[in-house]
N, C-alpha and C. Protein backbone atom coordinates (compact mmCIF):
# COMPACT_ATOMS: atom_id res chain seq x y z
N MET A 1 0.96 -1.07 0.06
CA MET A 1 0.21 -0.18 -0.06
C MET A 1 0.78 0.98 0.20
N MET A 2 0.30 2.19 -0.30
CA MET A 2 0.85 3.55 -0.81
C MET A 2 0.20 4.76 0.20
N SER A 3 0.87 5.98 0.63
CA SER A 3 0.15 6.86 1.23
C SER A 3 -0.31 7.32 0.46
N VAL A 4 -1.29 8.41 0.72
CA VAL A 4 -2.47 9.26 -0.46
C VAL A 4 -1.51 10.14 -1.03
N ARG A 5 -0.37 10.65 -0.03
CA ARG A 5 0.42 11.47 -0.19
C ARG A 5 1.20 11.02 -1.51
N THR A 6 2.29 10.03 -1.53
CA THR A 6 2.84 9.51 -2.62
C THR A 6 2.13 9.35 -3.57
N ALA A 7 0.81 8.64 -3.32
CA ALA A 7 -0.72 8.59 -4.48
C ALA A 7 -0.52 10.08 -5.32
N LEU A 8 -0.93 10.85 -4.60
CA LEU A 8 -0.75 12.52 -5.38
C LEU A 8 0.55 12.79 -6.14
N LYS A 9 1.54 12.37 -5.39
CA LYS A 9 2.71 12.84 -5.84
C LYS A 9 2.92 12.01 -7.53
N LEU A 10 2.89 10.89 -6.95
CA LEU A 10 2.87 9.70 -8.58
C LEU A 10 1.85 10.35 -9.42
N GLY A 11 0.79 10.89 -8.97
CA GLY A 11 0.21 11.27 -10.39
C GLY A 11 -0.27 12.71 -10.57
N ARG A 12 1.13 13.17 -10.09
CA ARG A 12 0.84 14.97 -10.46
C ARG A 12 0.26 15.65 -10.36
N VAL A 13 -0.89 15.16 -9.15
CA VAL A 13 -1.87 15.85 -9.62
C VAL A 13 -2.38 17.53 -9.77
N SER A 14 -1.04 18.31 -9.45
CA SER A 14 -1.87 19.57 -9.72
C SER A 14 -1.75 20.15 -11.15
N ASN A 15 -1.68 19.20 -11.77
CA ASN A 15 -2.07 19.51 -13.46
C ASN A 15 -3.04 18.69 -13.76
N LEU A 16 -3.77 18.34 -13.11
CA LEU A 16 -5.07 17.44 -13.02
C LEU A 16 -5.79 18.45 -14.05
N PRO A 17 -6.19 19.51 -13.75
CA PRO A 17 -7.50 20.80 -14.20
C PRO A 17 -7.18 20.75 -15.49
N THR A 18 -5.47 20.35 -16.21
CA THR A 18 -5.30 20.44 -18.03
C THR A 18 -5.82 19.59 -18.35
N VAL A 19 -6.51 18.63 -17.34
CA VAL A 19 -7.01 17.49 -18.47
C VAL A 19 -8.44 17.74 -18.54
N TRP A 20 -8.95 18.18 -17.41
CA TRP A 20 -10.50 18.71 -17.68
C TRP A 20 -10.32 19.57 -18.67
N THR A 21 -9.75 20.61 -18.59
CA THR A 21 -10.04 21.47 -20.00
C THR A 21 -9.84 21.20 -21.62
N ASP A 22 -9.11 19.99 -21.18
CA ASP A 22 -9.13 19.68 -22.98
C ASP A 22 -9.99 18.72 -22.97
N VAL A 23 -10.69 17.82 -21.79
CA VAL A 23 -12.13 17.35 -22.43
C VAL A 23 -12.65 18.41 -22.84
N LEU A 24 -12.96 19.34 -22.05
CA LEU A 24 -14.14 20.20 -22.03
C LEU A 24 -13.92 21.01 -23.67
N ALA A 25 -12.65 21.33 -24.10
CA ALA A 25 -11.99 22.18 -25.26
C ALA A 25 -12.37 21.02 -26.11
N GLY A 26 -12.67 19.41 -26.24
CA GLY A 26 -12.43 19.08 -27.32
C GLY A 26 -13.91 18.83 -27.80
N MET A 27 -14.81 18.90 -26.55
CA MET A 27 -16.19 18.78 -26.86
C MET A 27 -16.52 19.88 -27.57
N VAL A 28 -16.37 20.95 -27.09
CA VAL A 28 -16.74 22.61 -27.75
C VAL A 28 -16.27 22.39 -29.16
N LEU A 29 -15.08 22.56 -29.43
CA LEU A 29 -14.57 22.30 -30.56
C LEU A 29 -15.57 21.34 -31.44
N SER A 30 -16.04 19.93 -30.75
CA SER A 30 -16.87 19.52 -31.87
C SER A 30 -18.37 20.13 -32.10
N GLY A 31 -18.67 21.25 -31.77
CA GLY A 31 -19.75 21.41 -32.34
C GLY A 31 -20.97 21.50 -31.31
N THR A 32 -20.98 20.01 -30.51
CA THR A 32 -22.11 19.64 -29.81
C THR A 32 -21.92 20.06 -28.68
N ALA A 33 -23.04 19.95 -27.99
CA ALA A 33 -23.26 20.78 -26.35
C ALA A 33 -23.51 19.31 -25.80
N PRO A 34 -22.06 19.44 -24.98
CA PRO A 34 -22.47 17.74 -23.95
C PRO A 34 -23.36 17.95 -22.75
N SER A 35 -23.86 16.96 -22.60
CA SER A 35 -24.70 16.91 -21.43
C SER A 35 -23.58 16.77 -20.42
N PRO A 36 -23.85 17.01 -18.63
CA PRO A 36 -23.29 16.94 -17.38
C PRO A 36 -23.08 15.12 -17.90
N THR A 37 -23.46 14.33 -17.57
CA THR A 37 -23.08 13.28 -17.82
C THR A 37 -21.86 12.76 -18.46
N ILE A 38 -21.87 13.22 -19.64
CA ILE A 38 -21.18 13.14 -21.12
C ILE A 38 -19.52 13.66 -20.00
N VAL A 39 -19.65 14.64 -19.77
CA VAL A 39 -18.68 15.84 -19.45
C VAL A 39 -17.80 14.93 -18.17
N ILE A 40 -18.67 14.43 -17.43
CA ILE A 40 -18.00 13.84 -16.06
C ILE A 40 -17.79 12.42 -16.32
N SER A 41 -18.39 11.77 -17.14
CA SER A 41 -17.57 10.46 -18.05
C SER A 41 -16.66 10.61 -18.68
N VAL A 42 -16.42 11.19 -19.71
CA VAL A 42 -14.98 11.20 -20.09
C VAL A 42 -13.98 12.09 -18.94
N GLY A 43 -14.08 13.08 -18.50
CA GLY A 43 -13.67 13.77 -17.45
C GLY A 43 -12.80 13.13 -16.57
N VAL A 44 -13.98 11.84 -16.12
CA VAL A 44 -13.35 11.09 -15.13
C VAL A 44 -12.51 10.12 -16.25
N ALA A 45 -12.46 9.10 -17.19
CA ALA A 45 -11.68 8.71 -17.85
C ALA A 45 -10.29 9.29 -18.18
N ALA A 46 -10.57 10.13 -18.86
CA ALA A 46 -9.00 10.89 -19.14
C ALA A 46 -8.66 11.59 -17.84
N SER A 47 -8.89 11.47 -16.87
CA SER A 47 -7.91 11.67 -15.45
C SER A 47 -7.57 10.35 -15.11
N LEU A 48 -8.24 9.18 -15.26
CA LEU A 48 -7.39 8.18 -14.96
C LEU A 48 -6.21 7.81 -15.88
N MET A 49 -6.45 8.37 -17.11
CA MET A 49 -5.94 7.80 -18.07
C MET A 49 -4.42 8.69 -17.69
N TYR A 50 -4.88 10.18 -17.10
CA TYR A 50 -3.75 10.87 -17.07
C TYR A 50 -2.80 10.33 -15.64
N PHE A 51 -3.42 9.80 -14.63
CA PHE A 51 -3.01 9.51 -13.82
C PHE A 51 -2.26 8.15 -14.15
N ALA A 52 -2.71 7.06 -14.82
CA ALA A 52 -1.82 6.17 -15.54
C ALA A 52 -0.61 6.29 -15.79
N GLY A 53 -1.06 7.41 -17.08
CA GLY A 53 0.39 7.62 -17.33
C GLY A 53 1.75 8.33 -16.88
N ALA A 54 1.45 9.03 -15.83
CA ALA A 54 1.94 9.48 -14.89
C ALA A 54 2.68 8.37 -14.02
N TYR A 55 1.83 7.25 -13.43
CA TYR A 55 2.60 6.47 -12.82
C TYR A 55 3.70 5.84 -13.63
N LEU A 56 2.89 5.03 -14.52
CA LEU A 56 3.81 4.12 -15.63
C LEU A 56 5.41 5.06 -15.60
N ASN A 57 4.98 6.39 -15.81
CA ASN A 57 6.05 7.09 -16.28
C ASN A 57 7.05 6.70 -15.39
N ASP A 58 7.05 6.97 -13.92
CA ASP A 58 7.72 6.60 -12.66
C ASP A 58 8.27 5.45 -12.94
N ALA A 59 7.11 4.26 -13.05
CA ALA A 59 7.42 3.05 -12.99
C ALA A 59 8.75 2.84 -14.53
N PHE A 60 8.54 3.27 -15.31
CA PHE A 60 9.25 2.58 -16.21
C PHE A 60 11.05 3.52 -15.50
N ASP A 61 10.65 4.72 -15.55
CA ASP A 61 12.12 5.65 -15.30
C ASP A 61 12.48 5.37 -13.64
N HIS A 62 12.23 4.47 -13.16
CA HIS A 62 12.71 4.19 -11.76
C HIS A 62 13.96 4.12 -11.69
N ARG A 63 14.77 3.48 -12.62
CA ARG A 63 16.24 3.00 -12.24
C ARG A 63 16.71 4.12 -12.78
N SER A 64 16.74 5.17 -13.68
CA SER A 64 17.13 6.67 -13.90
C SER A 64 17.13 7.70 -12.76
N ASP A 65 15.59 7.37 -12.45
CA ASP A 65 15.36 8.51 -11.17
C ASP A 65 16.18 7.97 -10.34
N ALA A 66 16.44 6.91 -9.97
CA ALA A 66 17.08 6.82 -8.69
C ALA A 66 18.70 7.45 -9.30
N GLU A 67 18.99 7.78 -10.11
CA GLU A 67 20.60 8.42 -10.03
C GLU A 67 20.45 9.66 -10.48
N SER A 68 19.07 10.42 -11.15
CA SER A 68 19.29 11.79 -11.46
C SER A 68 17.80 12.14 -10.63
N ARG A 69 17.07 11.59 -10.44
CA ARG A 69 15.73 12.07 -9.75
C ARG A 69 15.63 11.46 -8.28
N ALA A 70 16.42 11.30 -7.58
CA ALA A 70 16.45 10.82 -6.12
C ALA A 70 14.97 10.94 -5.26
N PRO A 71 14.73 12.15 -5.39
CA PRO A 71 13.33 12.23 -4.66
C PRO A 71 12.12 11.93 -4.98
N ARG A 72 11.88 11.45 -6.32
CA ARG A 72 11.18 10.51 -6.53
C ARG A 72 10.20 9.65 -6.18
N PRO A 73 9.27 8.94 -5.79
CA PRO A 73 8.85 8.21 -4.76
C PRO A 73 9.09 7.01 -4.86
N ILE A 74 9.74 6.40 -5.81
CA ILE A 74 10.10 4.96 -5.87
C ILE A 74 11.36 4.92 -5.41
N PRO A 75 12.66 5.81 -6.09
CA PRO A 75 13.85 5.72 -5.35
C PRO A 75 14.10 5.96 -3.93
N MET A 76 12.87 6.92 -3.57
CA MET A 76 12.71 6.92 -2.05
C MET A 76 12.41 5.85 -0.92
N GLY A 77 11.72 4.95 -1.82
CA GLY A 77 11.41 4.06 -1.07
C GLY A 77 10.11 4.02 -0.42
N GLU A 78 9.06 5.16 -1.17
CA GLU A 78 8.24 4.82 -0.52
C GLU A 78 6.96 4.09 -1.10
N VAL A 79 7.43 3.69 -2.43
CA VAL A 79 6.33 2.81 -3.00
C VAL A 79 7.53 1.52 -3.31
N ASP A 80 7.18 0.89 -4.13
CA ASP A 80 8.17 -0.14 -5.16
C ASP A 80 7.22 0.11 -6.27
N ALA A 81 8.19 -0.21 -7.36
CA ALA A 81 8.09 -0.42 -8.58
C ALA A 81 6.86 -1.27 -9.02
N ARG A 82 7.24 -2.24 -8.78
CA ARG A 82 6.07 -3.22 -9.11
C ARG A 82 4.15 -2.39 -9.19
N THR A 83 4.47 -2.03 -7.28
CA THR A 83 3.15 -1.73 -7.29
C THR A 83 2.42 -0.63 -8.28
N VAL A 84 3.58 0.33 -8.51
CA VAL A 84 3.76 1.17 -9.30
C VAL A 84 2.67 0.80 -10.66
N PHE A 85 3.61 -0.32 -11.17
CA PHE A 85 3.02 -0.79 -12.56
C PHE A 85 1.60 -1.00 -12.41
N VAL A 86 1.20 -1.69 -11.47
CA VAL A 86 -0.10 -2.34 -11.20
C VAL A 86 -0.89 -1.46 -11.07
N ALA A 87 -0.83 -0.26 -10.12
CA ALA A 87 -1.75 0.73 -10.40
C ALA A 87 -2.00 1.54 -11.73
N GLY A 88 -1.14 1.79 -12.25
CA GLY A 88 -0.93 2.31 -13.31
C GLY A 88 -1.66 1.61 -14.66
N PHE A 89 -1.27 0.28 -14.83
CA PHE A 89 -1.90 -0.62 -15.61
C PHE A 89 -3.41 -0.47 -15.53
N GLY A 90 -3.64 -0.79 -14.25
CA GLY A 90 -5.28 -0.76 -13.38
C GLY A 90 -5.85 0.43 -13.43
N MET A 91 -5.23 1.43 -13.76
CA MET A 91 -5.94 3.01 -13.97
C MET A 91 -6.47 3.33 -15.48
N MET A 92 -5.35 2.68 -16.47
CA MET A 92 -5.57 2.73 -17.74
C MET A 92 -6.76 1.43 -18.13
N ALA A 93 -6.94 0.39 -17.23
CA ALA A 93 -7.83 -0.19 -17.94
C ALA A 93 -9.18 0.11 -17.45
N ALA A 94 -8.93 0.92 -16.23
CA ALA A 94 -10.25 1.43 -15.87
C ALA A 94 -10.89 2.78 -16.81
N ALA A 95 -9.81 3.25 -17.22
CA ALA A 95 -10.50 4.62 -17.97
C ALA A 95 -10.83 3.80 -19.37
N LEU A 96 -10.40 2.67 -19.81
CA LEU A 96 -10.97 2.68 -20.99
C LEU A 96 -12.25 1.61 -20.95
N VAL A 97 -12.66 0.77 -19.78
CA VAL A 97 -14.04 0.61 -19.43
C VAL A 97 -14.72 1.67 -19.08
N VAL A 98 -14.31 2.48 -18.45
CA VAL A 98 -15.53 4.23 -17.95
C VAL A 98 -15.82 4.81 -19.42
N LEU A 99 -14.84 4.71 -20.65
CA LEU A 99 -15.17 5.15 -22.21
C LEU A 99 -16.38 3.88 -23.36
N LEU A 100 -15.49 2.96 -22.75
CA LEU A 100 -16.76 1.95 -23.11
C LEU A 100 -18.18 1.72 -23.26
N VAL A 101 -17.96 1.66 -21.47
CA VAL A 101 -19.78 1.02 -20.94
C VAL A 101 -20.44 2.76 -20.95
N GLY A 102 -19.58 4.11 -20.99
CA GLY A 102 -20.32 5.02 -20.54
C GLY A 102 -20.89 5.97 -21.87
N PRO A 103 -21.16 7.36 -21.74
CA PRO A 103 -22.70 7.55 -22.65
C PRO A 103 -21.45 7.53 -24.16
N GLY A 104 -20.75 8.02 -24.28
CA GLY A 104 -19.73 8.02 -25.72
C GLY A 104 -19.66 6.58 -26.42
N GLY A 105 -19.77 5.43 -25.45
CA GLY A 105 -19.63 3.97 -25.69
C GLY A 105 -18.11 3.63 -27.02
N PRO A 106 -18.87 3.02 -28.01
CA PRO A 106 -17.57 3.11 -28.81
C PRO A 106 -16.82 3.95 -29.48
N ARG A 107 -17.74 5.03 -29.72
CA ARG A 107 -17.23 5.97 -30.60
C ARG A 107 -15.65 6.77 -29.56
N ALA A 108 -15.99 7.05 -28.30
CA ALA A 108 -15.06 7.36 -27.30
C ALA A 108 -14.01 6.05 -27.01
N PHE A 109 -14.40 4.93 -27.36
CA PHE A 109 -13.22 4.29 -26.77
C PHE A 109 -12.08 3.68 -27.64
N VAL A 110 -12.82 3.82 -29.08
CA VAL A 110 -11.76 3.31 -30.16
C VAL A 110 -10.38 4.73 -30.02
N PRO A 111 -10.88 5.86 -30.09
CA PRO A 111 -10.03 7.18 -29.57
C PRO A 111 -8.95 6.67 -28.08
N GLY A 112 -9.61 6.42 -27.20
CA GLY A 112 -9.02 5.93 -25.77
C GLY A 112 -8.25 4.91 -25.80
N VAL A 113 -8.58 4.15 -26.95
CA VAL A 113 -7.45 2.99 -27.27
C VAL A 113 -5.90 3.65 -27.88
N VAL A 114 -6.16 4.52 -28.42
CA VAL A 114 -5.19 5.01 -29.21
C VAL A 114 -4.33 6.11 -28.22
N LEU A 115 -5.20 6.44 -27.63
CA LEU A 115 -4.56 7.35 -26.56
C LEU A 115 -3.83 6.58 -25.37
N ALA A 116 -3.97 5.51 -24.79
CA ALA A 116 -3.67 4.61 -24.27
C ALA A 116 -2.37 4.25 -24.69
N ALA A 117 -2.20 3.87 -26.14
CA ALA A 117 -1.05 3.66 -26.82
C ALA A 117 -0.25 4.32 -26.66
N LEU A 118 -0.11 5.98 -27.08
CA LEU A 118 0.21 6.60 -26.74
C LEU A 118 0.94 6.90 -25.53
N VAL A 119 0.13 7.20 -24.76
CA VAL A 119 0.35 7.09 -23.30
C VAL A 119 1.75 6.36 -23.45
N LEU A 120 1.42 4.83 -23.67
CA LEU A 120 2.23 3.93 -23.33
C LEU A 120 3.68 4.11 -24.02
N LEU A 121 3.66 4.46 -25.55
CA LEU A 121 4.95 5.12 -26.22
C LEU A 121 5.69 5.92 -25.62
N TYR A 122 5.10 7.22 -25.32
CA TYR A 122 5.75 8.59 -24.08
C TYR A 122 6.73 7.61 -23.18
N ASP A 123 5.93 6.70 -22.42
CA ASP A 123 6.38 6.33 -21.26
C ASP A 123 7.59 5.19 -21.59
N VAL A 124 7.58 4.76 -22.52
CA VAL A 124 8.40 3.43 -22.43
C VAL A 124 10.03 4.25 -23.17
N SER A 125 9.36 5.28 -24.35
CA SER A 125 10.40 5.77 -24.76
C SER A 125 11.15 7.04 -24.80
N HIS A 126 10.41 7.94 -23.66
CA HIS A 126 10.44 9.67 -23.93
C HIS A 126 11.78 9.98 -23.75
N LYS A 127 12.96 9.04 -23.01
CA LYS A 127 14.36 9.48 -22.80
C LYS A 127 14.80 9.06 -23.75
N LYS A 128 14.55 8.48 -24.73
CA LYS A 128 15.65 8.05 -25.89
C LYS A 128 15.42 8.42 -26.97
N ASN A 129 13.84 9.14 -27.55
CA ASN A 129 13.16 9.36 -28.40
C ASN A 129 13.13 10.89 -28.76
N PRO A 130 13.82 11.00 -29.68
CA PRO A 130 14.06 12.24 -30.15
C PRO A 130 12.93 13.02 -30.68
N ILE A 131 11.85 12.45 -30.79
CA ILE A 131 10.40 12.90 -31.59
C ILE A 131 9.30 12.95 -29.97
N ALA A 132 9.41 13.03 -28.48
CA ALA A 132 8.92 12.54 -27.62
C ALA A 132 8.17 13.88 -27.12
N SER A 133 8.73 14.88 -27.65
CA SER A 133 7.48 16.21 -27.27
C SER A 133 6.54 15.97 -28.48
N VAL A 134 6.31 15.32 -29.30
CA VAL A 134 5.30 15.02 -30.44
C VAL A 134 4.61 14.32 -30.06
N VAL A 135 5.29 13.06 -29.31
CA VAL A 135 4.53 12.05 -28.54
C VAL A 135 3.66 12.73 -27.69
N MET A 136 4.02 13.85 -26.51
CA MET A 136 3.44 13.95 -25.35
C MET A 136 2.54 14.99 -26.27
N GLY A 137 2.67 15.66 -26.87
CA GLY A 137 1.66 16.74 -28.06
C GLY A 137 0.44 15.50 -28.60
N LEU A 138 0.89 14.71 -28.99
CA LEU A 138 -0.47 13.88 -29.10
C LEU A 138 -1.04 12.90 -28.50
N CYS A 139 -0.76 12.96 -27.30
CA CYS A 139 -1.32 12.44 -25.88
C CYS A 139 -2.53 13.52 -25.52
N ARG A 140 -1.81 14.41 -25.81
CA ARG A 140 -3.02 15.53 -25.36
C ARG A 140 -4.00 15.96 -26.67
N VAL A 141 -3.87 16.00 -27.78
CA VAL A 141 -4.49 16.03 -29.01
C VAL A 141 -5.62 14.50 -28.47
N ALA A 142 -5.09 13.51 -28.16
CA ALA A 142 -5.91 12.34 -28.36
C ALA A 142 -7.08 12.44 -27.58
N VAL A 143 -6.85 13.16 -26.17
CA VAL A 143 -7.77 13.64 -25.34
C VAL A 143 -9.01 14.31 -25.62
N TYR A 144 -8.70 15.21 -26.69
CA TYR A 144 -9.45 16.03 -27.74
C TYR A 144 -10.16 14.96 -28.61
N PHE A 145 -9.89 14.08 -28.99
CA PHE A 145 -10.64 13.09 -29.84
C PHE A 145 -11.61 12.21 -29.56
N VAL A 146 -11.10 11.82 -27.93
CA VAL A 146 -11.79 11.04 -27.29
C VAL A 146 -13.19 11.65 -26.94
N ALA A 147 -12.91 12.94 -26.16
CA ALA A 147 -13.84 14.21 -25.76
C ALA A 147 -14.92 14.04 -26.92
N ALA A 148 -14.39 14.68 -28.11
CA ALA A 148 -15.30 15.06 -29.26
C ALA A 148 -15.84 13.99 -29.53
N ARG A 149 -15.27 13.05 -29.84
CA ARG A 149 -16.00 11.28 -30.44
C ARG A 149 -17.27 11.05 -29.52
N ALA A 150 -16.79 11.55 -28.34
CA ALA A 150 -18.02 10.97 -26.87
C ALA A 150 -18.99 11.65 -27.57
N VAL A 151 -19.41 12.83 -28.03
CA VAL A 151 -20.41 13.77 -28.14
C VAL A 151 -20.89 13.92 -29.54
N ALA A 152 -20.06 13.89 -30.66
CA ALA A 152 -20.27 14.23 -32.14
C ALA A 152 -20.15 12.43 -33.18
N LEU A 153 -20.90 12.72 -34.07
CA LEU A 153 -20.72 11.62 -34.88
C LEU A 153 -19.67 11.81 -36.11
N THR A 154 -18.99 13.12 -36.48
CA THR A 154 -18.33 13.95 -36.77
C THR A 154 -18.06 15.23 -36.58
N LEU A 155 -16.52 15.46 -36.99
CA LEU A 155 -15.81 16.34 -36.42
C LEU A 155 -15.69 17.72 -37.61
N ALA A 156 -15.77 18.59 -37.08
CA ALA A 156 -15.88 19.71 -37.97
C ALA A 156 -14.47 20.41 -38.35
N PRO A 157 -14.20 21.03 -39.30
CA PRO A 157 -13.24 21.71 -39.46
C PRO A 157 -12.33 22.84 -38.08
N PRO A 158 -13.56 23.27 -37.31
CA PRO A 158 -12.88 23.77 -36.21
C PRO A 158 -12.16 23.05 -35.37
N PHE A 159 -12.59 21.91 -35.19
CA PHE A 159 -12.24 21.22 -34.29
C PHE A 159 -11.04 20.88 -34.75
N TYR A 160 -10.07 20.33 -35.58
CA TYR A 160 -8.87 20.07 -36.39
C TYR A 160 -7.99 20.99 -36.01
N VAL A 161 -8.19 22.21 -36.72
CA VAL A 161 -7.69 23.72 -36.26
C VAL A 161 -7.56 23.56 -34.98
N GLY A 162 -8.33 23.39 -34.37
CA GLY A 162 -8.09 23.69 -32.77
C GLY A 162 -6.91 22.52 -31.86
N ALA A 163 -6.99 21.56 -32.57
CA ALA A 163 -6.13 20.40 -32.35
C ALA A 163 -4.66 20.31 -32.88
N ALA A 164 -4.68 21.12 -34.07
CA ALA A 164 -3.18 21.31 -34.51
C ALA A 164 -2.85 22.70 -33.62
N PHE A 165 -3.73 23.17 -33.50
CA PHE A 165 -3.14 24.37 -32.47
C PHE A 165 -2.16 23.81 -30.93
N LEU A 166 -3.59 23.30 -30.66
CA LEU A 166 -3.08 22.63 -29.24
C LEU A 166 -1.68 21.57 -29.39
N LEU A 167 -1.54 20.70 -30.51
CA LEU A 167 -0.24 19.85 -30.94
C LEU A 167 1.05 21.04 -31.09
N THR A 168 1.01 21.95 -31.61
CA THR A 168 1.78 22.97 -31.99
C THR A 168 2.36 23.18 -31.09
N TYR A 169 1.20 23.89 -30.22
CA TYR A 169 1.38 24.59 -28.86
C TYR A 169 2.29 23.66 -27.51
N LEU A 170 1.92 22.47 -27.43
CA LEU A 170 2.57 21.40 -26.28
C LEU A 170 4.27 21.52 -27.01
N VAL A 171 3.96 20.85 -28.36
CA VAL A 171 5.33 20.73 -28.88
C VAL A 171 6.64 21.55 -28.73
N MET A 172 5.97 23.00 -29.08
CA MET A 172 6.77 23.68 -28.79
C MET A 172 7.25 24.54 -27.45
N LEU A 173 6.29 24.00 -26.24
CA LEU A 173 6.54 24.16 -25.09
C LEU A 173 7.31 22.92 -24.23
N THR A 174 7.19 21.63 -24.75
CA THR A 174 7.85 20.86 -24.27
C THR A 174 9.64 20.16 -24.93
N ILE A 175 9.54 20.87 -25.84
CA ILE A 175 11.15 20.56 -26.90
C ILE A 175 12.21 20.83 -26.18
N ARG A 176 12.87 19.65 -26.33
CA ARG A 176 14.40 19.54 -25.61
C ARG A 176 15.20 20.53 -26.25
N ARG A 177 15.78 21.60 -25.88
CA ARG A 177 17.38 22.30 -26.25
C ARG A 177 18.23 21.85 -26.16
């Protein structure tokens, strides 16, 4: 078991509001007015996916973090990597279940699977991947797609313009120099 403090630290909870704004932006850009039920369902799924990504990032990086980021929870001995892997993959699976059975159904589930794959790709490869900033940006854009597809059958040009701006912004924000 891990403490609540450790769980929140692993989950990088201070960034959670950005996940919800991505959900809302994706829905607004879809041109369809979402019901509160859909907003909450997709927001919970996106939050679980975000936490899963943060947990798995620390789990995959625990050896290198021991050398360069010793204050992280796994190197500090607050929790073991196996527990973090189990929690991360569990939250990822829970997110996909929420998308599949939630009001967006299969329309939201399919981009949710793409989001999960992008999260895993980033977490496994970001330290060695020269385009890691693009993969990170695509993770956030995938949240737009999950949210938009949960409420809309088709996506209009404003959605794609918004997604392109988000990707460009995030790549420029996270690019390593």
